[in-house]
């Protein structure tokens, strides 16, 4: 399953690195890194996503197609 992981605006570059390392160490595969915001898209096992959600600097949501009409 793909998840978008974004960090709060005031999160440090170290927090971003830590989030990516945590995702990789728990079986995640980073598919895309954002440039305008602090974050990335990761393919992650459903049963492990809670590990990322425990960090106060991180917001995790399932990647989905968005349509305007």
PDB file of N, CA and C in Angstrom:
ATOM      1  N   UNK A   1       0.835  -1.168   0.000  1.00  0.00           N
ATOM      2  CA  UNK A   1       0.000   0.000   0.000  1.00  0.00           C
ATOM      3  C   UNK A   1       0.890   1.245   0.000  1.00  0.00           C
ATOM      4  N   UNK A   2       0.490   2.265  -0.765  1.00  0.00           N
ATOM      5  CA  UNK A   2       1.246   3.513  -0.814  1.00  0.00           C
ATOM      6  C   UNK A   2       0.700   4.503   0.205  1.00  0.00           C
ATOM      7  N   UNK A   3       1.612   5.203   0.868  1.00  0.00           N
ATOM      8  CA  UNK A   3       1.243   6.221   1.845  1.00  0.00           C
ATOM      9  C   UNK A   3       2.029   7.491   1.568  1.00  0.00           C
ATOM     10  N   UNK A   4       1.361   8.641   1.741  1.00  0.00           N
ATOM     11  CA  UNK A   4       2.028   9.931   1.685  1.00  0.00           C
ATOM     12  C   UNK A   4       2.385  10.312   3.113  1.00  0.00           C
ATOM     13  N   UNK A   5       3.643  10.598   3.328  1.00  0.00           N
ATOM     14  CA  UNK A   5       4.143  10.970   4.644  1.00  0.00           C
ATOM     15  C   UNK A   5       4.613  12.409   4.560  1.00  0.00           C
ATOM     16  N   UNK A   6       4.011  13.289   5.350  1.00  0.00           N
ATOM     17  CA  UNK A   6       4.427  14.686   5.365  1.00  0.00           C
ATOM     18  C   UNK A   6       4.785  15.083   6.788  1.00  0.00           C
ATOM     19  N   UNK A   7       5.755  15.987   6.879  1.00  0.00           N
ATOM     20  CA  UNK A   7       6.177  16.479   8.173  1.00  0.00           C
ATOM     21  C   UNK A   7       5.666  17.893   8.369  1.00  0.00           C
ATOM     22  N   UNK A   8       5.502  18.276   9.623  1.00  0.00           N
ATOM     23  CA  UNK A   8       5.066  19.630   9.937  1.00  0.00           C
ATOM     24  C   UNK A   8       6.094  20.623   9.401  1.00  0.00           C
ATOM     25  N   UNK A   9       5.621  21.815   9.104  1.00  0.00           N
ATOM     26  CA  UNK A   9       6.469  22.850   8.514  1.00  0.00           C
ATOM     27  C   UNK A   9       7.704  23.150   9.360  1.00  0.00           C
ATOM     28  N   UNK A  10       7.562  23.085  10.679  1.00  0.00           N
ATOM     29  CA  UNK A  10       8.681  23.409  11.564  1.00  0.00           C
ATOM     30  C   UNK A  10       9.576  22.213  11.883  1.00  0.00           C
ATOM     31  N   UNK A  11       9.322  21.069  11.266  1.00  0.00           N
ATOM     32  CA  UNK A  11      10.168  19.884  11.489  1.00  0.00           C
ATOM     33  C   UNK A  11      11.550  20.119  10.873  1.00  0.00           C
ATOM     34  N   UNK A  12      12.558  19.643  11.540  1.00  0.00           N
ATOM     35  CA  UNK A  12      13.937  19.834  11.081  1.00  0.00           C
ATOM     36  C   UNK A  12      14.288  18.847   9.964  1.00  0.00           C
ATOM     37  N   UNK A  13      15.341  19.154   9.203  1.00  0.00           N
ATOM     38  CA  UNK A  13      15.820  18.199   8.194  1.00  0.00           C
ATOM     39  C   UNK A  13      16.188  16.848   8.820  1.00  0.00           C
ATOM     40  N   UNK A  14      16.641  16.878  10.066  1.00  0.00           N
ATOM     41  CA  UNK A  14      16.977  15.632  10.761  1.00  0.00           C
ATOM     42  C   UNK A  14      15.732  14.783  10.994  1.00  0.00           C
ATOM     43  N   UNK A  15      14.605  15.442  11.291  1.00  0.00           N
ATOM     44  CA  UNK A  15      13.345  14.709  11.480  1.00  0.00           C
ATOM     45  C   UNK A  15      12.917  14.025  10.182  1.00  0.00           C
ATOM     46  N   UNK A  16      13.116  14.703   9.040  1.00  0.00           N
ATOM     47  CA  UNK A  16      12.794  14.111   7.750  1.00  0.00           C
ATOM     48  C   UNK A  16      13.671  12.892   7.491  1.00  0.00           C
ATOM     49  N   UNK A  17      14.967  13.018   7.733  1.00  0.00           N
ATOM     50  CA  UNK A  17      15.883  11.885   7.553  1.00  0.00           C
ATOM     51  C   UNK A  17      15.505  10.726   8.460  1.00  0.00           C
ATOM     52  N   UNK A  18      15.166  11.045   9.699  1.00  0.00           N
ATOM     53  CA  UNK A  18      14.780  10.010  10.665  1.00  0.00           C
ATOM     54  C   UNK A  18      13.513   9.285  10.205  1.00  0.00           C
ATOM     55  N   UNK A  19      12.544  10.035   9.675  1.00  0.00           N
ATOM     56  CA  UNK A  19      11.297   9.428   9.192  1.00  0.00           C
ATOM     57  C   UNK A  19      11.582   8.485   8.031  1.00  0.00           C
ATOM     58  N   UNK A  20      12.441   8.910   7.103  1.00  0.00           N
ATOM     59  CA  UNK A  20      12.774   8.045   5.959  1.00  0.00           C
ATOM     60  C   UNK A  20      13.508   6.793   6.420  1.00  0.00           C
ATOM     61  N   UNK A  21      14.436   6.934   7.347  1.00  0.00           N
ATOM     62  CA  UNK A  21      15.164   5.769   7.858  1.00  0.00           C
ATOM     63  C   UNK A  21      14.227   4.808   8.592  1.00  0.00           C
ATOM     64  N   UNK A  22      13.289   5.349   9.364  1.00  0.00           N
ATOM     65  CA  UNK A  22      12.316   4.508  10.062  1.00  0.00           C
ATOM     66  C   UNK A  22      11.468   3.738   9.062  1.00  0.00           C
ATOM     67  N   UNK A  23      11.005   4.424   8.032  1.00  0.00           N
ATOM     68  CA  UNK A  23      10.191   3.767   7.011  1.00  0.00           C
ATOM     69  C   UNK A  23      10.967   2.627   6.355  1.00  0.00           C
ATOM     70  N   UNK A  24      12.213   2.884   5.993  1.00  0.00           N
ATOM     71  CA  UNK A  24      13.029   1.852   5.334  1.00  0.00           C
ATOM     72  C   UNK A  24      13.327   0.684   6.271  1.00  0.00           C
ATOM     73  N   UNK A  25      13.623   0.988   7.523  1.00  0.00           N
ATOM     74  CA  UNK A  25      13.976  -0.083   8.466  1.00  0.00           C
ATOM     75  C   UNK A  25      12.791  -0.980   8.804  1.00  0.00           C
ATOM     76  N   UNK A  26      11.572  -0.475   8.593  1.00  0.00           N
ATOM     77  CA  UNK A  26      10.366  -1.260   8.866  1.00  0.00           C
ATOM     78  C   UNK A  26       9.784  -1.898   7.613  1.00  0.00           C
ATOM     79  N   UNK A  27      10.575  -1.931   6.527  1.00  0.00           N
ATOM     80  CA  UNK A  27      10.139  -2.625   5.319  1.00  0.00           C
ATOM     81  C   UNK A  27       9.566  -1.721   4.240  1.00  0.00           C
ATOM     82  N   UNK A  28       9.653  -0.407   4.434  1.00  0.00           N
ATOM     83  CA  UNK A  28       9.116   0.529   3.449  1.00  0.00           C
ATOM     84  C   UNK A  28      10.065   0.749   2.286  1.00  0.00           C
ATOM     85  N   UNK A  29       9.494   1.123   1.153  1.00  0.00           N
ATOM     86  CA  UNK A  29      10.261   1.425  -0.057  1.00  0.00           C
ATOM     87  C   UNK A  29       9.843   2.823  -0.515  1.00  0.00           C
ATOM     88  N   UNK A  30      10.721   3.806  -0.367  1.00  0.00           N
ATOM     89  CA  UNK A  30      10.403   5.182  -0.732  1.00  0.00           C
ATOM     90  C   UNK A  30      10.320   5.287  -2.251  1.00  0.00           C
ATOM     91  N   UNK A  31       9.158   5.750  -2.725  1.00  0.00           N
ATOM     92  CA  UNK A  31       8.884   5.829  -4.156  1.00  0.00           C
ATOM     93  C   UNK A  31       9.096   7.234  -4.712  1.00  0.00           C
ATOM     94  N   UNK A  32       8.882   8.260  -3.888  1.00  0.00           N
ATOM     95  CA  UNK A  32       8.993   9.640  -4.360  1.00  0.00           C
ATOM     96  C   UNK A  32       9.289  10.552  -3.171  1.00  0.00           C
ATOM     97  N   UNK A  33      10.156  11.532  -3.382  1.00  0.00           N
ATOM     98  CA  UNK A  33      10.422  12.542  -2.360  1.00  0.00           C
ATOM     99  C   UNK A  33       9.914  13.881  -2.863  1.00  0.00           C
ATOM    100  N   UNK A  34       9.174  14.595  -2.009  1.00  0.00           N
ATOM    101  CA  UNK A  34       8.621  15.888  -2.377  1.00  0.00           C
ATOM    102  C   UNK A  34       9.696  16.966  -2.252  1.00  0.00           C
ATOM    103  N   UNK A  35       9.567  18.028  -3.051  1.00  0.00           N
ATOM    104  CA  UNK A  35      10.533  19.120  -2.978  1.00  0.00           C
ATOM    105  C   UNK A  35       9.938  20.392  -2.366  1.00  0.00           C
ATOM    106  N   UNK A  36       8.648  20.634  -2.553  1.00  0.00           N
ATOM    107  CA  UNK A  36       8.042  21.851  -2.016  1.00  0.00           C
ATOM    108  C   UNK A  36       7.631  21.723  -0.554  1.00  0.00           C
ATOM    109  N   UNK A  37       7.407  20.502  -0.127  1.00  0.00           N
ATOM    110  CA  UNK A  37       7.071  20.245   1.272  1.00  0.00           C
ATOM    111  C   UNK A  37       7.989  19.156   1.793  1.00  0.00           C
ATOM    112  N   UNK A  38       8.082  19.051   3.102  1.00  0.00           N
ATOM    113  CA  UNK A  38       8.901  18.002   3.714  1.00  0.00           C
ATOM    114  C   UNK A  38       8.091  16.723   3.737  1.00  0.00           C
ATOM    115  N   UNK A  39       8.460  15.783   2.863  1.00  0.00           N
ATOM    116  CA  UNK A  39       7.727  14.536   2.859  1.00  0.00           C
ATOM    117  C   UNK A  39       8.121  13.617   1.728  1.00  0.00           C
ATOM    118  N   UNK A  40       7.430  12.477   1.667  1.00  0.00           N
ATOM    119  CA  UNK A  40       7.728  11.455   0.673  1.00  0.00           C
ATOM    120  C   UNK A  40       6.551  10.497   0.561  1.00  0.00           C
ATOM    121  N   UNK A  41       6.542   9.733  -0.522  1.00  0.00           N
ATOM    122  CA  UNK A  41       5.576   8.648  -0.706  1.00  0.00           C
ATOM    123  C   UNK A  41       6.329   7.347  -0.495  1.00  0.00           C
ATOM    124  N   UNK A  42       5.733   6.460   0.275  1.00  0.00           N
ATOM    125  CA  UNK A  42       6.394   5.205   0.614  1.00  0.00           C
ATOM    126  C   UNK A  42       5.425   4.040   0.421  1.00  0.00           C
ATOM    127  N   UNK A  43       5.936   2.958  -0.150  1.00  0.00           N
ATOM    128  CA  UNK A  43       5.176   1.704  -0.181  1.00  0.00           C
ATOM    129  C   UNK A  43       5.506   1.006   1.122  1.00  0.00           C
ATOM    130  N   UNK A  44       4.466   0.714   1.898  1.00  0.00           N
ATOM    131  CA  UNK A  44       4.690   0.282   3.280  1.00  0.00           C
ATOM    132  C   UNK A  44       3.708  -0.820   3.641  1.00  0.00           C
ATOM    133  N   UNK A  45       4.149  -1.823   4.386  1.00  0.00           N
ATOM    134  CA  UNK A  45       3.219  -2.875   4.831  1.00  0.00           C
ATOM    135  C   UNK A  45       2.121  -2.281   5.724  1.00  0.00           C
ATOM    136  N   UNK A  46       0.883  -2.648   5.475  1.00  0.00           N
ATOM    137  CA  UNK A  46      -0.245  -2.104   6.239  1.00  0.00           C
ATOM    138  C   UNK A  46      -0.096  -2.296   7.745  1.00  0.00           C
ATOM    139  N   UNK A  47       0.460  -3.422   8.144  1.00  0.00           N
ATOM    140  CA  UNK A  47       0.565  -3.714   9.569  1.00  0.00           C
ATOM    141  C   UNK A  47       1.696  -2.949  10.256  1.00  0.00           C
ATOM    142  N   UNK A  48       2.489  -2.196   9.510  1.00  0.00           N
ATOM    143  CA  UNK A  48       3.613  -1.453  10.096  1.00  0.00           C
ATOM    144  C   UNK A  48       3.402   0.058  10.089  1.00  0.00           C
ATOM    145  N   UNK A  49       2.353   0.540   9.437  1.00  0.00           N
ATOM    146  CA  UNK A  49       2.176   1.989   9.270  1.00  0.00           C
ATOM    147  C   UNK A  49       2.042   2.719  10.606  1.00  0.00           C
ATOM    148  N   UNK A  50       1.585   2.058  11.622  1.00  0.00           N
ATOM    149  CA  UNK A  50       1.467   2.670  12.947  1.00  0.00           C
ATOM    150  C   UNK A  50       2.787   3.166  13.497  1.00  0.00           C
ATOM    151  N   UNK A  51       3.878   2.558  13.076  1.00  0.00           N
ATOM    152  CA  UNK A  51       5.212   2.979  13.526  1.00  0.00           C
ATOM    153  C   UNK A  51       5.474   4.426  13.126  1.00  0.00           C
ATOM    154  N   UNK A  52       5.087   4.808  11.916  1.00  0.00           N
ATOM    155  CA  UNK A  52       5.292   6.181  11.462  1.00  0.00           C
ATOM    156  C   UNK A  52       4.330   7.147  12.139  1.00  0.00           C
ATOM    157  N   UNK A  53       3.123   6.696  12.405  1.00  0.00           N
ATOM    158  CA  UNK A  53       2.100   7.572  12.969  1.00  0.00           C
ATOM    159  C   UNK A  53       2.370   7.958  14.419  1.00  0.00           C
ATOM    160  N   UNK A  54       3.311   7.327  15.076  1.00  0.00           N
ATOM    161  CA  UNK A  54       3.602   7.640  16.476  1.00  0.00           C
ATOM    162  C   UNK A  54       4.490   8.872  16.629  1.00  0.00           C
ATOM    163  N   UNK A  55       5.064   9.374  15.539  1.00  0.00           N
ATOM    164  CA  UNK A  55       5.929  10.547  15.594  1.00  0.00           C
ATOM    165  C   UNK A  55       5.083  11.810  15.500  1.00  0.00           C
ATOM    166  N   UNK A  56       5.248  12.732  16.450  1.00  0.00           N
ATOM    167  CA  UNK A  56       4.421  13.942  16.494  1.00  0.00           C
ATOM    168  C   UNK A  56       4.665  14.900  15.326  1.00  0.00           C
ATOM    169  N   UNK A  57       5.771  14.765  14.613  1.00  0.00           N
ATOM    170  CA  UNK A  57       6.097  15.644  13.495  1.00  0.00           C
ATOM    171  C   UNK A  57       5.548  15.132  12.162  1.00  0.00           C
ATOM    172  N   UNK A  58       4.936  13.943  12.173  1.00  0.00           N
ATOM    173  CA  UNK A  58       4.573  13.274  10.925  1.00  0.00           C
ATOM    174  C   UNK A  58       3.063  13.120  10.772  1.00  0.00           C
ATOM    175  N   UNK A  59       2.592  13.339   9.549  1.00  0.00           N
ATOM    176  CA  UNK A  59       1.204  13.035   9.174  1.00  0.00           C
ATOM    177  C   UNK A  59       1.265  11.964   8.084  1.00  0.00           C
ATOM    178  N   UNK A  60       0.487  10.905   8.239  1.00  0.00           N
ATOM    179  CA  UNK A  60       0.469   9.800   7.276  1.00  0.00           C
ATOM    180  C   UNK A  60      -0.942   9.630   6.733  1.00  0.00           C
ATOM    181  N   UNK A  61      -1.047   9.552   5.414  1.00  0.00           N
ATOM    182  CA  UNK A  61      -2.347   9.246   4.810  1.00  0.00           C
ATOM    183  C   UNK A  61      -2.137   8.320   3.625  1.00  0.00           C
ATOM    184  N   UNK A  62      -3.131   7.475   3.402  1.00  0.00           N
ATOM    185  CA  UNK A  62      -3.058   6.536   2.279  1.00  0.00           C
ATOM    186  C   UNK A  62      -3.122   7.309   0.983  1.00  0.00           C
ATOM    187  N   UNK A  63      -2.245   6.971   0.036  1.00  0.00           N
ATOM    188  CA  UNK A  63      -2.209   7.605  -1.271  1.00  0.00           C
ATOM    189  C   UNK A  63      -3.474   7.205  -2.035  1.00  0.00           C
ATOM    190  N   UNK A  64      -4.098   8.180  -2.692  1.00  0.00           N
ATOM    191  CA  UNK A  64      -5.313   7.884  -3.450  1.00  0.00           C
ATOM    192  C   UNK A  64      -5.421   8.838  -4.635  1.00  0.00           C
ATOM    193  N   UNK A  65      -6.164   8.421  -5.630  1.00  0.00           N
ATOM    194  CA  UNK A  65      -6.414   9.267  -6.790  1.00  0.00           C
ATOM    195  C   UNK A  65      -7.412  10.355  -6.414  1.00  0.00           C
ATOM    196  N   UNK A  66      -7.135  11.583  -6.849  1.00  0.00           N
ATOM    197  CA  UNK A  66      -8.010  12.707  -6.571  1.00  0.00           C
ATOM    198  C   UNK A  66      -8.605  13.197  -7.888  1.00  0.00           C
ATOM    199  N   UNK A  67      -9.929  13.390  -7.902  1.00  0.00           N
ATOM    200  CA  UNK A  67     -10.608  13.887  -9.099  1.00  0.00           C
ATOM    201  C   UNK A  67     -11.349  15.173  -8.763  1.00  0.00           C
ATOM    202  N   UNK A  68     -11.395  16.086  -9.729  1.00  0.00           N
ATOM    203  CA  UNK A  68     -12.121  17.331  -9.502  1.00  0.00           C
ATOM    204  C   UNK A  68     -13.552  17.261 -10.008  1.00  0.00           C
ATOM    205  N   UNK A  69     -13.826  16.337 -10.921  1.00  0.00           N
ATOM    206  CA  UNK A  69     -15.198  16.176 -11.413  1.00  0.00           C
ATOM    207  C   UNK A  69     -15.475  14.758 -11.804  1.00  0.00           C
TER     208      UNK A  69
END
